[in-house]
Amino acid sequence: MLEGLENAHQVWNSLEEILLSITKENEIHISESLHALKKGLLILEEYIKCFMVLSEKLAVMKKPLDDLT
């Protein structure tokens, strides 16, 4: 992964690429979970809590809900 890199600049660039891909994967996963969320048998309080947790995770990633629509 970081083998063969010769200086700190290359290491940081490599780490940035890795972390950005992980972040993008997380964003997609959270967004899909949010879109798949259904109340079903959940009580309303649990449903709202799940929605809030997912939307807060996106907000922390600087991807609030209005950016995804």
PDB file of N, CA and C in Angstrom:
ATOM      1  N   MET A   1       0.833  -1.185   0.000  1.00  0.00           N
ATOM      2  CA  MET A   1       0.000   0.000   0.000  1.00  0.00           C
ATOM      3  C   MET A   1       0.881   1.254   0.000  1.00  0.00           C
ATOM      4  N   LEU A   2       1.767   1.374   0.985  1.00  0.00           N
ATOM      5  CA  LEU A   2       2.636   2.548   1.045  1.00  0.00           C
ATOM      6  C   LEU A   2       4.076   2.199   0.699  1.00  0.00           C
ATOM      7  N   GLU A   3       4.304   0.935   0.374  1.00  0.00           N
ATOM      8  CA  GLU A   3       5.656   0.502   0.027  1.00  0.00           C
ATOM      9  C   GLU A   3       6.090   1.144  -1.287  1.00  0.00           C
ATOM     10  N   GLY A   4       7.341   1.477  -1.347  1.00  0.00           N
ATOM     11  CA  GLY A   4       7.882   2.040  -2.573  1.00  0.00           C
ATOM     12  C   GLY A   4       7.724   3.548  -2.681  1.00  0.00           C
ATOM     13  N   LEU A   5       7.044   4.151  -1.732  1.00  0.00           N
ATOM     14  CA  LEU A   5       6.899   5.607  -1.759  1.00  0.00           C
ATOM     15  C   LEU A   5       8.166   6.223  -1.186  1.00  0.00           C
ATOM     16  N   GLU A   6       8.621   7.281  -1.800  1.00  0.00           N
ATOM     17  CA  GLU A   6       9.942   7.805  -1.481  1.00  0.00           C
ATOM     18  C   GLU A   6       9.951   9.000  -0.539  1.00  0.00           C
ATOM     19  N   ASN A   7       8.826   9.691  -0.396  1.00  0.00           N
ATOM     20  CA  ASN A   7       8.846  10.864   0.472  1.00  0.00           C
ATOM     21  C   ASN A   7       7.479  11.061   1.135  1.00  0.00           C
ATOM     22  N   ALA A   8       7.451  11.976   2.077  1.00  0.00           N
ATOM     23  CA  ALA A   8       6.231  12.220   2.847  1.00  0.00           C
ATOM     24  C   ALA A   8       5.082  12.687   1.957  1.00  0.00           C
ATOM     25  N   HIS A   9       5.393  13.455   0.941  1.00  0.00           N
ATOM     26  CA  HIS A   9       4.356  13.952   0.034  1.00  0.00           C
ATOM     27  C   HIS A   9       3.642  12.790  -0.654  1.00  0.00           C
ATOM     28  N   GLN A  10       4.408  11.829  -1.132  1.00  0.00           N
ATOM     29  CA  GLN A  10       3.814  10.661  -1.785  1.00  0.00           C
ATOM     30  C   GLN A  10       2.987   9.840  -0.795  1.00  0.00           C
ATOM     31  N   VAL A  11       3.485   9.696   0.430  1.00  0.00           N
ATOM     32  CA  VAL A  11       2.756   8.948   1.460  1.00  0.00           C
ATOM     33  C   VAL A  11       1.428   9.628   1.751  1.00  0.00           C
ATOM     34  N   TRP A  12       1.443  10.945   1.968  1.00  0.00           N
ATOM     35  CA  TRP A  12       0.208  11.671   2.263  1.00  0.00           C
ATOM     36  C   TRP A  12      -0.775  11.592   1.096  1.00  0.00           C
ATOM     37  N   ASN A  13      -0.300  11.716  -0.119  1.00  0.00           N
ATOM     38  CA  ASN A  13      -1.184  11.602  -1.286  1.00  0.00           C
ATOM     39  C   ASN A  13      -1.809  10.218  -1.366  1.00  0.00           C
ATOM     40  N   SER A  14      -1.017   9.198  -1.088  1.00  0.00           N
ATOM     41  CA  SER A  14      -1.529   7.830  -1.117  1.00  0.00           C
ATOM     42  C   SER A  14      -2.575   7.621  -0.025  1.00  0.00           C
ATOM     43  N   LEU A  15      -2.274   8.099   1.175  1.00  0.00           N
ATOM     44  CA  LEU A  15      -3.238   7.977   2.279  1.00  0.00           C
ATOM     45  C   LEU A  15      -4.523   8.738   1.977  1.00  0.00           C
ATOM     46  N   GLU A  16      -4.398   9.906   1.376  1.00  0.00           N
ATOM     47  CA  GLU A  16      -5.579  10.692   1.019  1.00  0.00           C
ATOM     48  C   GLU A  16      -6.462   9.926   0.037  1.00  0.00           C
ATOM     49  N   GLU A  17      -5.873   9.311  -0.960  1.00  0.00           N
ATOM     50  CA  GLU A  17      -6.640   8.527  -1.932  1.00  0.00           C
ATOM     51  C   GLU A  17      -7.367   7.369  -1.254  1.00  0.00           C
ATOM     52  N   ILE A  18      -6.673   6.692  -0.355  1.00  0.00           N
ATOM     53  CA  ILE A  18      -7.274   5.562   0.362  1.00  0.00           C
ATOM     54  C   ILE A  18      -8.449   6.038   1.204  1.00  0.00           C
ATOM     55  N   LEU A  19      -8.235   7.099   1.972  1.00  0.00           N
ATOM     56  CA  LEU A  19      -9.293   7.590   2.863  1.00  0.00           C
ATOM     57  C   LEU A  19     -10.475   8.152   2.090  1.00  0.00           C
ATOM     58  N   LEU A  20     -10.216   8.823   0.970  1.00  0.00           N
ATOM     59  CA  LEU A  20     -11.319   9.349   0.170  1.00  0.00           C
ATOM     60  C   LEU A  20     -12.166   8.228  -0.407  1.00  0.00           C
ATOM     61  N   SER A  21     -11.538   7.136  -0.818  1.00  0.00           N
ATOM     62  CA  SER A  21     -12.319   6.017  -1.360  1.00  0.00           C
ATOM     63  C   SER A  21     -13.141   5.364  -0.266  1.00  0.00           C
ATOM     64  N   ILE A  22     -12.573   5.250   0.940  1.00  0.00           N
ATOM     65  CA  ILE A  22     -13.325   4.685   2.064  1.00  0.00           C
ATOM     66  C   ILE A  22     -14.491   5.601   2.403  1.00  0.00           C
ATOM     67  N   THR A  23     -14.248   6.906   2.428  1.00  0.00           N
ATOM     68  CA  THR A  23     -15.298   7.870   2.738  1.00  0.00           C
ATOM     69  C   THR A  23     -16.413   7.798   1.702  1.00  0.00           C
ATOM     70  N   LYS A  24     -16.056   7.704   0.437  1.00  0.00           N
ATOM     71  CA  LYS A  24     -17.062   7.618  -0.625  1.00  0.00           C
ATOM     72  C   LYS A  24     -17.877   6.334  -0.480  1.00  0.00           C
ATOM     73  N   GLU A  25     -17.214   5.225  -0.161  1.00  0.00           N
ATOM     74  CA  GLU A  25     -17.925   3.966   0.058  1.00  0.00           C
ATOM     75  C   GLU A  25     -18.890   4.093   1.228  1.00  0.00           C
ATOM     76  N   ASN A  26     -18.441   4.729   2.313  1.00  0.00           N
ATOM     77  CA  ASN A  26     -19.312   4.932   3.475  1.00  0.00           C
ATOM     78  C   ASN A  26     -20.494   5.823   3.114  1.00  0.00           C
ATOM     79  N   GLU A  27     -20.225   6.879   2.363  1.00  0.00           N
ATOM     80  CA  GLU A  27     -21.294   7.784   1.946  1.00  0.00           C
ATOM     81  C   GLU A  27     -22.355   7.025   1.147  1.00  0.00           C
ATOM     82  N   ILE A  28     -21.914   6.210   0.218  1.00  0.00           N
ATOM     83  CA  ILE A  28     -22.849   5.431  -0.602  1.00  0.00           C
ATOM     84  C   ILE A  28     -23.633   4.458   0.268  1.00  0.00           C
ATOM     85  N   HIS A  29     -22.936   3.769   1.173  1.00  0.00           N
ATOM     86  CA  HIS A  29     -23.603   2.801   2.048  1.00  0.00           C
ATOM     87  C   HIS A  29     -24.648   3.481   2.933  1.00  0.00           C
ATOM     88  N   ILE A  30     -24.285   4.596   3.535  1.00  0.00           N
ATOM     89  CA  ILE A  30     -25.213   5.311   4.416  1.00  0.00           C
ATOM     90  C   ILE A  30     -26.390   5.848   3.618  1.00  0.00           C
ATOM     91  N   SER A  31     -26.110   6.408   2.450  1.00  0.00           N
ATOM     92  CA  SER A  31     -27.176   6.934   1.602  1.00  0.00           C
ATOM     93  C   SER A  31     -28.145   5.831   1.185  1.00  0.00           C
ATOM     94  N   GLU A  32     -27.608   4.670   0.797  1.00  0.00           N
ATOM     95  CA  GLU A  32     -28.466   3.542   0.425  1.00  0.00           C
ATOM     96  C   GLU A  32     -29.288   3.062   1.620  1.00  0.00           C
ATOM     97  N   SER A  33     -28.673   3.025   2.797  1.00  0.00           N
ATOM     98  CA  SER A  33     -29.399   2.628   4.008  1.00  0.00           C
ATOM     99  C   SER A  33     -30.538   3.597   4.292  1.00  0.00           C
ATOM    100  N   LEU A  34     -30.269   4.867   4.088  1.00  0.00           N
ATOM    101  CA  LEU A  34     -31.289   5.885   4.320  1.00  0.00           C
ATOM    102  C   LEU A  34     -32.450   5.728   3.347  1.00  0.00           C
ATOM    103  N   HIS A  35     -32.128   5.489   2.085  1.00  0.00           N
ATOM    104  CA  HIS A  35     -33.177   5.320   1.076  1.00  0.00           C
ATOM    105  C   HIS A  35     -33.964   4.026   1.280  1.00  0.00           C
ATOM    106  N   ALA A  36     -33.327   3.020   1.862  1.00  0.00           N
ATOM    107  CA  ALA A  36     -33.990   1.731   2.088  1.00  0.00           C
ATOM    108  C   ALA A  36     -34.756   1.694   3.407  1.00  0.00           C
ATOM    109  N   LEU A  37     -34.569   2.712   4.238  1.00  0.00           N
ATOM    110  CA  LEU A  37     -35.206   2.734   5.553  1.00  0.00           C
ATOM    111  C   LEU A  37     -36.724   2.759   5.412  1.00  0.00           C
ATOM    112  N   LYS A  38     -37.359   1.815   6.067  1.00  0.00           N
ATOM    113  CA  LYS A  38     -38.822   1.744   6.074  1.00  0.00           C
ATOM    114  C   LYS A  38     -39.282   1.601   7.511  1.00  0.00           C
ATOM    115  N   LYS A  39     -40.407   2.182   7.795  1.00  0.00           N
ATOM    116  CA  LYS A  39     -40.917   2.109   9.155  1.00  0.00           C
ATOM    117  C   LYS A  39     -41.248   0.677   9.524  1.00  0.00           C
ATOM    118  N   GLY A  40     -41.911  -0.031   8.646  1.00  0.00           N
ATOM    119  CA  GLY A  40     -42.246  -1.427   8.917  1.00  0.00           C
ATOM    120  C   GLY A  40     -42.822  -1.621  10.306  1.00  0.00           C
ATOM    121  N   LEU A  41     -42.200  -2.496  11.075  1.00  0.00           N
ATOM    122  CA  LEU A  41     -42.677  -2.804  12.422  1.00  0.00           C
ATOM    123  C   LEU A  41     -42.037  -1.932  13.499  1.00  0.00           C
ATOM    124  N   LEU A  42     -41.158  -1.020  13.094  1.00  0.00           N
ATOM    125  CA  LEU A  42     -40.535  -0.132  14.074  1.00  0.00           C
ATOM    126  C   LEU A  42     -41.570   0.831  14.639  1.00  0.00           C
ATOM    127  N   ILE A  43     -41.428   1.125  15.928  1.00  0.00           N
ATOM    128  CA  ILE A  43     -42.276   2.188  16.454  1.00  0.00           C
ATOM    129  C   ILE A  43     -41.730   3.504  15.898  1.00  0.00           C
ATOM    130  N   LEU A  44     -42.571   4.501  15.845  1.00  0.00           N
ATOM    131  CA  LEU A  44     -42.201   5.766  15.212  1.00  0.00           C
ATOM    132  C   LEU A  44     -40.916   6.343  15.804  1.00  0.00           C
ATOM    133  N   GLU A  45     -40.766   6.252  17.112  1.00  0.00           N
ATOM    134  CA  GLU A  45     -39.577   6.791  17.773  1.00  0.00           C
ATOM    135  C   GLU A  45     -38.301   6.102  17.267  1.00  0.00           C
ATOM    136  N   GLU A  46     -38.334   4.782  17.096  1.00  0.00           N
ATOM    137  CA  GLU A  46     -37.174   4.042  16.594  1.00  0.00           C
ATOM    138  C   GLU A  46     -36.882   4.411  15.134  1.00  0.00           C
ATOM    139  N   TYR A  47     -37.937   4.548  14.350  1.00  0.00           N
ATOM    140  CA  TYR A  47     -37.797   4.909  12.939  1.00  0.00           C
ATOM    141  C   TYR A  47     -37.132   6.281  12.804  1.00  0.00           C
ATOM    142  N   ILE A  48     -37.605   7.241  13.570  1.00  0.00           N
ATOM    143  CA  ILE A  48     -37.042   8.595  13.533  1.00  0.00           C
ATOM    144  C   ILE A  48     -35.595   8.581  14.009  1.00  0.00           C
ATOM    145  N   LYS A  49     -35.311   7.789  15.048  1.00  0.00           N
ATOM    146  CA  LYS A  49     -33.939   7.702  15.558  1.00  0.00           C
ATOM    147  C   LYS A  49     -33.004   7.147  14.478  1.00  0.00           C
ATOM    148  N   CYS A  50     -33.416   6.102  13.775  1.00  0.00           N
ATOM    149  CA  CYS A  50     -32.603   5.535  12.689  1.00  0.00           C
ATOM    150  C   CYS A  50     -32.358   6.581  11.607  1.00  0.00           C
ATOM    151  N   PHE A  51     -33.406   7.301  11.236  1.00  0.00           N
ATOM    152  CA  PHE A  51     -33.291   8.348  10.222  1.00  0.00           C
ATOM    153  C   PHE A  51     -32.301   9.422  10.668  1.00  0.00           C
ATOM    154  N   MET A  52     -32.422   9.845  11.919  1.00  0.00           N
ATOM    155  CA  MET A  52     -31.552  10.904  12.433  1.00  0.00           C
ATOM    156  C   MET A  52     -30.092  10.446  12.487  1.00  0.00           C
ATOM    157  N   VAL A  53     -29.852   9.214  12.922  1.00  0.00           N
ATOM    158  CA  VAL A  53     -28.481   8.696  12.996  1.00  0.00           C
ATOM    159  C   VAL A  53     -27.848   8.681  11.607  1.00  0.00           C
ATOM    160  N   LEU A  54     -28.581   8.174  10.624  1.00  0.00           N
ATOM    161  CA  LEU A  54     -28.048   8.116   9.261  1.00  0.00           C
ATOM    162  C   LEU A  54     -27.812   9.513   8.693  1.00  0.00           C
ATOM    163  N   SER A  55     -28.758  10.415   8.906  1.00  0.00           N
ATOM    164  CA  SER A  55     -28.595  11.765   8.362  1.00  0.00           C
ATOM    165  C   SER A  55     -27.464  12.517   9.069  1.00  0.00           C
ATOM    166  N   GLU A  56     -27.273  12.263  10.371  1.00  0.00           N
ATOM    167  CA  GLU A  56     -26.166  12.898  11.091  1.00  0.00           C
ATOM    168  C   GLU A  56     -24.818  12.376  10.599  1.00  0.00           C
ATOM    169  N   LYS A  57     -24.754  11.085  10.282  1.00  0.00           N
ATOM    170  CA  LYS A  57     -23.512  10.529   9.738  1.00  0.00           C
ATOM    171  C   LYS A  57     -23.160  11.209   8.419  1.00  0.00           C
ATOM    172  N   LEU A  58     -24.158  11.434   7.589  1.00  0.00           N
ATOM    173  CA  LEU A  58     -23.910  12.127   6.322  1.00  0.00           C
ATOM    174  C   LEU A  58     -23.480  13.570   6.562  1.00  0.00           C
ATOM    175  N   ALA A  59     -24.093  14.219   7.526  1.00  0.00           N
ATOM    176  CA  ALA A  59     -23.741  15.609   7.827  1.00  0.00           C
ATOM    177  C   ALA A  59     -22.297  15.709   8.315  1.00  0.00           C
ATOM    178  N   VAL A  60     -21.866  14.749   9.126  1.00  0.00           N
ATOM    179  CA  VAL A  60     -20.488  14.739   9.611  1.00  0.00           C
ATOM    180  C   VAL A  60     -19.509  14.587   8.451  1.00  0.00           C
ATOM    181  N   MET A  61     -19.936  13.869   7.419  1.00  0.00           N
ATOM    182  CA  MET A  61     -19.103  13.677   6.233  1.00  0.00           C
ATOM    183  C   MET A  61     -19.208  14.865   5.279  1.00  0.00           C
ATOM    184  N   LYS A  62     -19.904  15.917   5.707  1.00  0.00           N
ATOM    185  CA  LYS A  62     -20.128  17.114   4.876  1.00  0.00           C
ATOM    186  C   LYS A  62     -20.975  16.791   3.653  1.00  0.00           C
ATOM    187  N   LYS A  63     -21.905  15.838   3.811  1.00  0.00           N
ATOM    188  CA  LYS A  63     -22.823  15.439   2.747  1.00  0.00           C
ATOM    189  C   LYS A  63     -24.248  15.466   3.295  1.00  0.00           C
ATOM    190  N   PRO A  64     -24.751  16.641   3.651  1.00  0.00           N
ATOM    191  CA  PRO A  64     -26.111  16.694   4.191  1.00  0.00           C
ATOM    192  C   PRO A  64     -27.129  16.217   3.167  1.00  0.00           C
ATOM    193  N   LEU A  65     -28.310  15.891   3.647  1.00  0.00           N
ATOM    194  CA  LEU A  65     -29.347  15.315   2.796  1.00  0.00           C
ATOM    195  C   LEU A  65     -29.654  16.162   1.575  1.00  0.00           C
ATOM    196  N   ASP A  66     -29.693  17.473   1.705  1.00  0.00           N
ATOM    197  CA  ASP A  66     -30.048  18.306   0.558  1.00  0.00           C
ATOM    198  C   ASP A  66     -28.997  18.251  -0.550  1.00  0.00           C
ATOM    199  N   ASP A  67     -27.763  17.846  -0.232  1.00  0.00           N
ATOM    200  CA  ASP A  67     -26.730  17.695  -1.261  1.00  0.00           C
ATOM    201  C   ASP A  67     -26.907  16.408  -2.059  1.00  0.00           C
ATOM    202  N   LEU A  68     -27.653  15.467  -1.529  1.00  0.00           N
ATOM    203  CA  LEU A  68     -27.789  14.157  -2.156  1.00  0.00           C
ATOM    204  C   LEU A  68     -29.011  14.049  -3.043  1.00  0.00           C
ATOM    205  N   THR A  69     -29.875  15.027  -3.004  1.00  0.00           N
ATOM    206  CA  THR A  69     -31.107  14.945  -3.794  1.00  0.00           C
ATOM    207  C   THR A  69     -30.974  15.701  -5.089  1.00  0.00           C
TER     208      THR A  69
END
